PDB file of all heavy atoms in Angstrom:
ATOM      1  N   LEU A   1     -58.268  33.800  61.177  1.00  0.00           N
ATOM      2  CA  LEU A   1     -58.956  32.497  61.109  1.00  0.00           C
ATOM      3  C   LEU A   1     -60.027  32.395  62.213  1.00  0.00           C
ATOM      4  O   LEU A   1     -61.086  31.801  62.015  1.00  0.00           O
ATOM      5  CB  LEU A   1     -57.952  31.384  61.228  1.00  0.00           C
ATOM      6  CG  LEU A   1     -57.065  31.164  60.001  1.00  0.00           C
ATOM      7  CD1 LEU A   1     -55.993  30.131  60.286  1.00  0.00           C
ATOM      8  CD2 LEU A   1     -57.905  30.752  58.790  1.00  0.00           C
ATOM      9  N   ASP A   2     -59.738  32.943  63.404  1.00  0.00           N
ATOM     10  CA  ASP A   2     -60.712  32.921  64.478  1.00  0.00           C
ATOM     11  C   ASP A   2     -61.997  33.656  64.065  1.00  0.00           C
ATOM     12  O   ASP A   2     -63.106  33.140  64.278  1.00  0.00           O
ATOM     13  CB  ASP A   2     -60.134  33.590  65.741  1.00  0.00           C
ATOM     14  CG  ASP A   2     -59.125  32.689  66.466  1.00  0.00           C
ATOM     15  OD1 ASP A   2     -59.128  31.480  66.191  1.00  0.00           O
ATOM     16  OD2 ASP A   2     -58.338  33.214  67.256  1.00  0.00           O
ATOM     17  N   PHE A   3     -61.841  34.837  63.494  1.00  0.00           N
ATOM     18  CA  PHE A   3     -63.013  35.619  63.085  1.00  0.00           C
ATOM     19  C   PHE A   3     -63.745  34.961  61.925  1.00  0.00           C
ATOM     20  O   PHE A   3     -64.968  34.921  61.860  1.00  0.00           O
ATOM     21  CB  PHE A   3     -62.629  37.039  62.707  1.00  0.00           C
ATOM     22  CG  PHE A   3     -62.400  37.953  63.897  1.00  0.00           C
ATOM     23  CD1 PHE A   3     -61.147  38.402  64.234  1.00  0.00           C
ATOM     24  CD2 PHE A   3     -63.476  38.343  64.691  1.00  0.00           C
ATOM     25  CE1 PHE A   3     -60.948  39.240  65.320  1.00  0.00           C
ATOM     26  CE2 PHE A   3     -63.301  39.171  65.779  1.00  0.00           C
ATOM     27  CZ  PHE A   3     -62.034  39.621  66.112  1.00  0.00           C
ATOM     28  N   LEU A   4     -62.971  34.408  60.959  1.00  0.00           N
ATOM     29  CA  LEU A   4     -63.607  33.720  59.817  1.00  0.00           C
ATOM     30  C   LEU A   4     -64.397  32.517  60.271  1.00  0.00           C
ATOM     31  O   LEU A   4     -65.488  32.264  59.773  1.00  0.00           O
ATOM     32  CB  LEU A   4     -62.503  33.311  58.814  1.00  0.00           C
ATOM     33  CG  LEU A   4     -61.859  34.447  58.011  1.00  0.00           C
ATOM     34  CD1 LEU A   4     -60.615  33.933  57.305  1.00  0.00           C
ATOM     35  CD2 LEU A   4     -62.853  35.035  57.012  1.00  0.00           C
ATOM     36  N   ALA A   5     -63.845  31.771  61.236  1.00  0.00           N
ATOM     37  CA  ALA A   5     -64.539  30.587  61.768  1.00  0.00           C
ATOM     38  C   ALA A   5     -65.832  30.968  62.496  1.00  0.00           C
ATOM     39  O   ALA A   5     -66.742  30.155  62.575  1.00  0.00           O
ATOM     40  CB  ALA A   5     -63.621  29.814  62.729  1.00  0.00           C
ATOM     41  N   ASP A   6     -65.884  32.206  62.989  1.00  0.00           N
ATOM     42  CA  ASP A   6     -67.108  32.689  63.672  1.00  0.00           C
ATOM     43  C   ASP A   6     -68.066  33.339  62.695  1.00  0.00           C
ATOM     44  O   ASP A   6     -69.089  33.907  63.093  1.00  0.00           O
ATOM     45  CB  ASP A   6     -66.721  33.696  64.768  1.00  0.00           C
ATOM     46  CG  ASP A   6     -66.130  33.003  65.981  1.00  0.00           C
ATOM     47  OD1 ASP A   6     -66.369  31.787  66.168  1.00  0.00           O
ATOM     48  OD2 ASP A   6     -65.443  33.688  66.758  1.00  0.00           O
ATOM     49  N   GLY A   7     -67.762  33.270  61.382  1.00  0.00           N
ATOM     50  CA  GLY A   7     -68.703  33.757  60.399  1.00  0.00           C
ATOM     51  C   GLY A   7     -68.527  35.222  59.985  1.00  0.00           C
ATOM     52  O   GLY A   7     -69.387  35.768  59.283  1.00  0.00           O
ATOM     53  N   TYR A   8     -67.457  35.825  60.414  1.00  0.00           N
ATOM     54  CA  TYR A   8     -67.225  37.248  60.065  1.00  0.00           C
ATOM     55  C   TYR A   8     -66.519  37.371  58.728  1.00  0.00           C
ATOM     56  O   TYR A   8     -65.776  36.494  58.300  1.00  0.00           O
ATOM     57  CB  TYR A   8     -66.372  37.939  61.138  1.00  0.00           C
ATOM     58  CG  TYR A   8     -67.077  38.173  62.444  1.00  0.00           C
ATOM     59  CD1 TYR A   8     -66.967  37.270  63.496  1.00  0.00           C
ATOM     60  CD2 TYR A   8     -67.852  39.318  62.639  1.00  0.00           C
ATOM     61  CE1 TYR A   8     -67.588  37.482  64.701  1.00  0.00           C
ATOM     62  CE2 TYR A   8     -68.502  39.539  63.856  1.00  0.00           C
ATOM     63  CZ  TYR A   8     -68.361  38.610  64.881  1.00  0.00           C
ATOM     64  OH  TYR A   8     -69.005  38.809  66.071  1.00  0.00           O
ATOM     65  N   GLU A   9     -66.765  38.500  58.061  1.00  0.00           N
ATOM     66  CA  GLU A   9     -65.963  38.918  56.909  1.00  0.00           C
ATOM     67  C   GLU A   9     -64.820  39.782  57.461  1.00  0.00           C
ATOM     68  O   GLU A   9     -65.050  40.686  58.227  1.00  0.00           O
ATOM     69  CB  GLU A   9     -66.818  39.710  55.918  1.00  0.00           C
ATOM     70  CG  GLU A   9     -66.072  40.091  54.658  1.00  0.00           C
ATOM     71  CD  GLU A   9     -66.963  40.853  53.671  1.00  0.00           C
ATOM     72  OE1 GLU A   9     -67.019  42.118  53.788  1.00  0.00           O
ATOM     73  OE2 GLU A   9     -67.590  40.224  52.814  1.00  0.00           O
ATOM     74  N   VAL A  10     -63.593  39.431  57.108  1.00  0.00           N
ATOM     75  CA  VAL A  10     -62.429  40.096  57.713  1.00  0.00           C
ATOM     76  C   VAL A  10     -61.727  40.975  56.677  1.00  0.00           C
ATOM     77  O   VAL A  10     -61.354  40.509  55.601  1.00  0.00           O
ATOM     78  CB  VAL A  10     -61.422  39.032  58.240  1.00  0.00           C
ATOM     79  CG1 VAL A  10     -60.226  39.753  58.872  1.00  0.00           C
ATOM     80  CG2 VAL A  10     -62.099  38.131  59.280  1.00  0.00           C
ATOM     81  N   GLN A  11     -61.530  42.241  57.070  1.00  0.00           N
ATOM     82  CA  GLN A  11     -60.806  43.178  56.204  1.00  0.00           C
ATOM     83  C   GLN A  11     -59.329  43.206  56.654  1.00  0.00           C
ATOM     84  O   GLN A  11     -59.029  43.314  57.823  1.00  0.00           O
ATOM     85  CB  GLN A  11     -61.360  44.587  56.301  1.00  0.00           C
ATOM     86  CG  GLN A  11     -60.633  45.598  55.441  1.00  0.00           C
ATOM     87  CD  GLN A  11     -61.149  47.008  55.627  1.00  0.00           C
ATOM     88  OE1 GLN A  11     -61.950  47.264  56.501  1.00  0.00           O
ATOM     89  NE2 GLN A  11     -60.645  47.938  54.800  1.00  0.00           N
ATOM     90  N   LEU A  12     -58.451  43.100  55.660  1.00  0.00           N
ATOM     91  CA  LEU A  12     -57.012  43.174  55.940  1.00  0.00           C
ATOM     92  C   LEU A  12     -56.459  44.448  55.287  1.00  0.00           C
ATOM     93  O   LEU A  12     -56.037  44.453  54.137  1.00  0.00           O
ATOM     94  CB  LEU A  12     -56.273  41.949  55.425  1.00  0.00           C
ATOM     95  CG  LEU A  12     -54.750  41.909  55.691  1.00  0.00           C
ATOM     96  CD1 LEU A  12     -54.485  41.996  57.202  1.00  0.00           C
ATOM     97  CD2 LEU A  12     -54.156  40.619  55.145  1.00  0.00           C
ATOM     98  N   GLY A  13     -56.509  45.524  56.034  1.00  0.00           N
ATOM     99  CA  GLY A  13     -56.026  46.826  55.516  1.00  0.00           C
ATOM    100  C   GLY A  13     -56.624  47.163  54.174  1.00  0.00           C
ATOM    101  O   GLY A  13     -57.801  46.934  53.925  1.00  0.00           O
ATOM    102  N   GLY A  14     -55.783  47.694  53.307  1.00  0.00           N
ATOM    103  CA  GLY A  14     -56.237  48.049  51.961  1.00  0.00           C
ATOM    104  C   GLY A  14     -56.220  46.890  51.000  1.00  0.00           C
ATOM    105  O   GLY A  14     -56.601  47.012  49.823  1.00  0.00           O
ATOM    106  N   LEU A  15     -55.728  45.724  51.476  1.00  0.00           N
ATOM    107  CA  LEU A  15     -55.629  44.550  50.612  1.00  0.00           C
ATOM    108  C   LEU A  15     -57.010  44.061  50.172  1.00  0.00           C
ATOM    109  O   LEU A  15     -57.261  43.812  48.981  1.00  0.00           O
ATOM    110  CB  LEU A  15     -54.892  43.422  51.322  1.00  0.00           C
ATOM    111  CG  LEU A  15     -54.634  42.146  50.488  1.00  0.00           C
ATOM    112  CD1 LEU A  15     -53.751  42.456  49.288  1.00  0.00           C
ATOM    113  CD2 LEU A  15     -53.997  41.085  51.353  1.00  0.00           C
ATOM    114  N   GLY A  16     -57.924  43.920  51.144  1.00  0.00           N
ATOM    115  CA  GLY A  16     -59.265  43.492  50.781  1.00  0.00           C
ATOM    116  C   GLY A  16     -59.949  42.729  51.894  1.00  0.00           C
ATOM    117  O   GLY A  16     -59.566  42.787  53.063  1.00  0.00           O
ATOM    118  N   TYR A  17     -60.975  41.955  51.492  1.00  0.00           N
ATOM    119  CA  TYR A  17     -61.852  41.304  52.428  1.00  0.00           C
ATOM    120  C   TYR A  17     -61.851  39.774  52.219  1.00  0.00           C
ATOM    121  O   TYR A  17     -61.894  39.299  51.087  1.00  0.00           O
ATOM    122  CB  TYR A  17     -63.289  41.826  52.280  1.00  0.00           C
ATOM    123  CG  TYR A  17     -63.395  43.311  52.465  1.00  0.00           C
ATOM    124  CD1 TYR A  17     -63.096  44.181  51.415  1.00  0.00           C
ATOM    125  CD2 TYR A  17     -63.789  43.844  53.690  1.00  0.00           C
ATOM    126  CE1 TYR A  17     -63.186  45.558  51.602  1.00  0.00           C
ATOM    127  CE2 TYR A  17     -63.887  45.223  53.867  1.00  0.00           C
ATOM    128  CZ  TYR A  17     -63.576  46.060  52.822  1.00  0.00           C
ATOM    129  OH  TYR A  17     -63.664  47.437  52.987  1.00  0.00           O
ATOM    130  N   PHE A  18     -61.800  39.058  53.321  1.00  0.00           N
ATOM    131  CA  PHE A  18     -61.807  37.600  53.294  1.00  0.00           C
ATOM    132  C   PHE A  18     -63.113  37.093  53.920  1.00  0.00           C
ATOM    133  O   PHE A  18     -63.615  37.669  54.863  1.00  0.00           O
ATOM    134  CB  PHE A  18     -60.633  37.023  54.090  1.00  0.00           C
ATOM    135  CG  PHE A  18     -59.274  37.336  53.496  1.00  0.00           C
ATOM    136  CD1 PHE A  18     -58.683  38.562  53.749  1.00  0.00           C
ATOM    137  CD2 PHE A  18     -58.623  36.447  52.690  1.00  0.00           C
ATOM    138  CE1 PHE A  18     -57.428  38.870  53.199  1.00  0.00           C
ATOM    139  CE2 PHE A  18     -57.382  36.720  52.140  1.00  0.00           C
ATOM    140  CZ  PHE A  18     -56.786  37.951  52.377  1.00  0.00           C
ATOM    141  N   SER A  19     -63.660  36.030  53.325  1.00  0.00           N
ATOM    142  CA  SER A  19     -64.870  35.450  53.880  1.00  0.00           C
ATOM    143  C   SER A  19     -64.864  33.945  53.507  1.00  0.00           C
ATOM    144  O   SER A  19     -64.098  33.512  52.644  1.00  0.00           O
ATOM    145  CB  SER A  19     -66.130  36.096  53.307  1.00  0.00           C
ATOM    146  OG  SER A  19     -66.174  35.940  51.909  1.00  0.00           O
ATOM    147  N   VAL A  20     -65.705  33.178  54.171  1.00  0.00           N
ATOM    148  CA  VAL A  20     -65.814  31.749  53.879  1.00  0.00           C
ATOM    149  C   VAL A  20     -67.140  31.435  53.187  1.00  0.00           C
ATOM    150  O   VAL A  20     -68.125  32.177  53.338  1.00  0.00           O
ATOM    151  CB  VAL A  20     -65.687  30.890  55.146  1.00  0.00           C
ATOM    152  CG1 VAL A  20     -64.320  31.089  55.794  1.00  0.00           C
ATOM    153  CG2 VAL A  20     -66.801  31.222  56.140  1.00  0.00           C
ATOM    154  N   SER A  21     -67.177  30.372  52.416  1.00  0.00           N
ATOM    155  CA  SER A  21     -68.403  29.884  51.816  1.00  0.00           C
ATOM    156  C   SER A  21     -68.559  28.418  52.186  1.00  0.00           C
ATOM    157  O   SER A  21     -67.595  27.746  52.502  1.00  0.00           O
ATOM    158  CB  SER A  21     -68.396  30.056  50.288  1.00  0.00           C
ATOM    159  OG  SER A  21     -67.377  29.279  49.706  1.00  0.00           O
ATOM    160  N   VAL A  22     -69.804  27.949  52.177  1.00  0.00           N
ATOM    161  CA  VAL A  22     -70.113  26.561  52.516  1.00  0.00           C
ATOM    162  C   VAL A  22     -70.798  25.884  51.345  1.00  0.00           C
ATOM    163  O   VAL A  22     -71.213  26.537  50.383  1.00  0.00           O
ATOM    164  CB  VAL A  22     -70.985  26.488  53.769  1.00  0.00           C
ATOM    165  CG1 VAL A  22     -70.277  27.074  54.986  1.00  0.00           C
ATOM    166  CG2 VAL A  22     -72.340  27.169  53.534  1.00  0.00           C
ATOM    167  N   THR A  23     -70.900  24.584  51.409  1.00  0.00           N
ATOM    168  CA  THR A  23     -71.585  23.824  50.360  1.00  0.00           C
ATOM    169  C   THR A  23     -72.355  22.659  51.006  1.00  0.00           C
ATOM    170  O   THR A  23     -72.137  22.318  52.160  1.00  0.00           O
ATOM    171  CB  THR A  23     -70.570  23.288  49.332  1.00  0.00           C
ATOM    172  OG1 THR A  23     -71.261  22.706  48.238  1.00  0.00           O
ATOM    173  CG2 THR A  23     -69.656  22.221  49.952  1.00  0.00           C
ATOM    174  N   SER A  24     -73.227  22.092  50.203  1.00  0.00           N
ATOM    175  CA  SER A  24     -73.994  20.924  50.650  1.00  0.00           C
ATOM    176  C   SER A  24     -74.415  20.131  49.407  1.00  0.00           C
ATOM    177  O   SER A  24     -74.229  20.582  48.281  1.00  0.00           O
ATOM    178  CB  SER A  24     -75.241  21.351  51.466  1.00  0.00           C
ATOM    179  OG  SER A  24     -76.186  21.943  50.573  1.00  0.00           O
ATOM    180  N   ARG A  25     -74.987  18.977  49.639  1.00  0.00           N
ATOM    181  CA  ARG A  25     -75.555  18.225  48.528  1.00  0.00           C
ATOM    182  C   ARG A  25     -76.812  18.921  48.011  1.00  0.00           C
ATOM    183  O   ARG A  25     -77.389  19.765  48.724  1.00  0.00           O
ATOM    184  CB  ARG A  25     -75.871  16.794  48.946  1.00  0.00           C
ATOM    185  CG  ARG A  25     -76.937  16.696  50.037  1.00  0.00           C
ATOM    186  CD  ARG A  25     -77.130  15.235  50.436  1.00  0.00           C
ATOM    187  NE  ARG A  25     -78.142  15.123  51.531  1.00  0.00           N
ATOM    188  CZ  ARG A  25     -79.448  15.099  51.329  1.00  0.00           C
ATOM    189  NH1 ARG A  25     -79.950  15.160  50.092  1.00  0.00           N
ATOM    190  NH2 ARG A  25     -80.270  14.997  52.362  1.00  0.00           N
ATOM    191  N   LEU A  26     -77.251  18.581  46.803  1.00  0.00           N
ATOM    192  CA  LEU A  26     -78.461  19.178  46.262  1.00  0.00           C
ATOM    193  C   LEU A  26     -79.678  18.611  47.003  1.00  0.00           C
ATOM    194  O   LEU A  26     -79.753  17.413  47.327  1.00  0.00           O
ATOM    195  CB  LEU A  26     -78.574  18.875  44.769  1.00  0.00           C
ATOM    196  CG  LEU A  26     -77.516  19.519  43.866  1.00  0.00           C
ATOM    197  CD1 LEU A  26     -77.680  19.064  42.444  1.00  0.00           C
ATOM    198  CD2 LEU A  26     -77.635  21.044  43.950  1.00  0.00           C
ATOM    199  N   LEU A  27     -80.641  19.480  47.251  1.00  0.00           N
ATOM    200  CA  LEU A  27     -81.837  19.099  48.019  1.00  0.00           C
ATOM    201  C   LEU A  27     -83.124  19.373  47.244  1.00  0.00           C
ATOM    202  O   LEU A  27     -83.208  20.334  46.501  1.00  0.00           O
ATOM    203  CB  LEU A  27     -81.897  19.885  49.325  1.00  0.00           C
ATOM    204  CG  LEU A  27     -80.681  19.776  50.249  1.00  0.00           C
ATOM    205  CD1 LEU A  27     -80.762  20.829  51.337  1.00  0.00           C
ATOM    206  CD2 LEU A  27     -80.628  18.387  50.883  1.00  0.00           C
ATOM    207  N   ASP A  28     -84.111  18.479  47.418  1.00  0.00           N
ATOM    208  CA  ASP A  28     -85.435  18.737  46.859  1.00  0.00           C
ATOM    209  C   ASP A  28     -86.276  19.498  47.843  1.00  0.00           C
ATOM    210  O   ASP A  28     -87.211  20.237  47.465  1.00  0.00           O
ATOM    211  CB  ASP A  28     -86.122  17.391  46.542  1.00  0.00           C
ATOM    212  CG  ASP A  28     -85.400  16.641  45.416  1.00  0.00           C
ATOM    213  OD1 ASP A  28     -84.972  17.325  44.447  1.00  0.00           O
ATOM    214  OD2 ASP A  28     -85.268  15.417  45.495  1.00  0.00           O
ATOM    215  N   ASP A  29     -86.002  19.338  49.132  1.00  0.00           N
ATOM    216  CA  ASP A  29     -86.786  19.982  50.185  1.00  0.00           C
ATOM    217  C   ASP A  29     -85.834  20.547  51.250  1.00  0.00           C
ATOM    218  O   ASP A  29     -84.981  19.816  51.762  1.00  0.00           O
ATOM    219  CB  ASP A  29     -87.696  18.937  50.796  1.00  0.00           C
ATOM    220  CG  ASP A  29     -88.648  19.523  51.853  1.00  0.00           C
ATOM    221  OD1 ASP A  29     -88.435  20.675  52.265  1.00  0.00           O
ATOM    222  OD2 ASP A  29     -89.589  18.804  52.271  1.00  0.00           O
ATOM    223  N   PRO A  30     -85.972  21.840  51.616  1.00  0.00           N
ATOM    224  CA  PRO A  30     -85.103  22.416  52.638  1.00  0.00           C
ATOM    225  C   PRO A  30     -85.160  21.693  53.973  1.00  0.00           C
ATOM    226  O   PRO A  30     -84.214  21.779  54.761  1.00  0.00           O
ATOM    227  CB  PRO A  30     -85.647  23.853  52.782  1.00  0.00           C
ATOM    228  CG  PRO A  30     -86.294  24.134  51.475  1.00  0.00           C
ATOM    229  CD  PRO A  30     -86.893  22.832  51.033  1.00  0.00           C
ATOM    230  N   GLN A  31     -86.258  20.976  54.220  1.00  0.00           N
ATOM    231  CA  GLN A  31     -86.392  20.256  55.499  1.00  0.00           C
ATOM    232  C   GLN A  31     -85.464  19.045  55.578  1.00  0.00           C
ATOM    233  O   GLN A  31     -85.264  18.511  56.653  1.00  0.00           O
ATOM    234  CB  GLN A  31     -87.855  19.788  55.669  1.00  0.00           C
ATOM    235  CG  GLN A  31     -88.870  20.907  55.692  1.00  0.00           C
ATOM    236  CD  GLN A  31     -88.602  21.900  56.793  1.00  0.00           C
ATOM    237  OE1 GLN A  31     -88.267  21.496  57.908  1.00  0.00           O
ATOM    238  NE2 GLN A  31     -88.760  23.204  56.526  1.00  0.00           N
ATOM    239  N   GLU A  32     -84.894  18.633  54.440  1.00  0.00           N
ATOM    240  CA  GLU A  32     -84.014  17.481  54.417  1.00  0.00           C
ATOM    241  C   GLU A  32     -82.630  17.788  55.009  1.00  0.00           C
ATOM    242  O   GLU A  32     -81.898  16.854  55.378  1.00  0.00           O
ATOM    243  CB  GLU A  32     -83.776  16.991  52.976  1.00  0.00           C
ATOM    244  CG  GLU A  32     -85.039  16.549  52.274  1.00  0.00           C
ATOM    245  CD  GLU A  32     -84.744  16.153  50.820  1.00  0.00           C
ATOM    246  OE1 GLU A  32     -83.573  16.093  50.465  1.00  0.00           O
ATOM    247  OE2 GLU A  32     -85.688  15.922  50.083  1.00  0.00           O
ATOM    248  N   ILE A  33     -82.299  19.079  55.109  1.00  0.00           N
ATOM    249  CA  ILE A  33     -80.948  19.418  55.448  1.00  0.00           C
ATOM    250  C   ILE A  33     -80.599  19.101  56.890  1.00  0.00           C
ATOM    251  O   ILE A  33     -81.431  19.216  57.783  1.00  0.00           O
ATOM    252  CB  ILE A  33     -80.668  20.940  55.155  1.00  0.00           C
ATOM    253  CG1 ILE A  33     -79.176  21.194  55.033  1.00  0.00           C
ATOM    254  CG2 ILE A  33     -81.303  21.815  56.246  1.00  0.00           C
ATOM    255  CD1 ILE A  33     -78.549  20.525  53.887  1.00  0.00           C
ATOM    256  N   ARG A  34     -79.342  18.705  57.120  1.00  0.00           N
ATOM    257  CA  ARG A  34     -78.829  18.480  58.455  1.00  0.00           C
ATOM    258  C   ARG A  34     -77.565  19.321  58.607  1.00  0.00           C
ATOM    259  O   ARG A  34     -76.810  19.487  57.658  1.00  0.00           O
ATOM    260  CB  ARG A  34     -78.446  17.008  58.646  1.00  0.00           C
ATOM    261  CG  ARG A  34     -79.649  16.063  58.764  1.00  0.00           C
ATOM    262  CD  ARG A  34     -79.143  14.666  59.031  1.00  0.00           C
ATOM    263  NE  ARG A  34     -80.221  13.767  59.343  1.00  0.00           N
ATOM    264  CZ  ARG A  34     -80.040  12.474  59.675  1.00  0.00           C
ATOM    265  NH1 ARG A  34     -78.801  12.001  59.746  1.00  0.00           N
ATOM    266  NH2 ARG A  34     -81.077  11.709  59.934  1.00  0.00           N
ATOM    267  N   ALA A  35     -77.366  19.840  59.798  1.00  0.00           N
ATOM    268  CA  ALA A  35     -76.222  20.738  60.033  1.00  0.00           C
ATOM    269  C   ALA A  35     -74.910  20.052  59.716  1.00  0.00           C
ATOM    270  O   ALA A  35     -73.984  20.676  59.160  1.00  0.00           O
ATOM    271  CB  ALA A  35     -76.206  21.223  61.490  1.00  0.00           C
ATOM    272  N   GLU A  36     -74.794  18.754  59.990  1.00  0.00           N
ATOM    273  CA  GLU A  36     -73.545  18.057  59.761  1.00  0.00           C
ATOM    274  C   GLU A  36     -73.222  17.867  58.261  1.00  0.00           C
ATOM    275  O   GLU A  36     -72.103  17.529  57.893  1.00  0.00           O
ATOM    276  CB  GLU A  36     -73.514  16.681  60.483  1.00  0.00           C
ATOM    277  CG  GLU A  36     -74.662  15.784  60.106  1.00  0.00           C
ATOM    278  CD  GLU A  36     -75.835  15.922  61.056  1.00  0.00           C
ATOM    279  OE1 GLU A  36     -75.995  17.008  61.669  1.00  0.00           O
ATOM    280  OE2 GLU A  36     -76.605  14.973  61.178  1.00  0.00           O
ATOM    281  N   SER A  37     -74.261  18.029  57.402  1.00  0.00           N
ATOM    282  CA  SER A  37     -74.019  17.893  55.972  1.00  0.00           C
ATOM    283  C   SER A  37     -73.576  19.197  55.307  1.00  0.00           C
ATOM    284  O   SER A  37     -73.230  19.215  54.148  1.00  0.00           O
ATOM    285  CB  SER A  37     -75.275  17.375  55.267  1.00  0.00           C
ATOM    286  OG  SER A  37     -76.310  18.324  55.324  1.00  0.00           O
ATOM    287  N   ILE A  38     -73.603  20.280  56.063  1.00  0.00           N
ATOM    288  CA  ILE A  38     -73.090  21.558  55.578  1.00  0.00           C
ATOM    289  C   ILE A  38     -71.622  21.658  55.933  1.00  0.00           C
ATOM    290  O   ILE A  38     -71.272  21.480  57.102  1.00  0.00           O
ATOM    291  CB  ILE A  38     -73.843  22.752  56.207  1.00  0.00           C
ATOM    292  CG1 ILE A  38     -75.362  22.571  56.043  1.00  0.00           C
ATOM    293  CG2 ILE A  38     -73.398  24.056  55.575  1.00  0.00           C
ATOM    294  CD1 ILE A  38     -75.831  22.578  54.626  1.00  0.00           C
TER     295      ILE A  38
END
């Protein structure tokens, strides 16, 4: 969880790879985005 929170993709042996994804509201202009809305 520490590595995932820092944005890393984490491999757990031969099981596989874990990663996080983010979301936001739909935007008409990239300049509208605020960090707190992600």
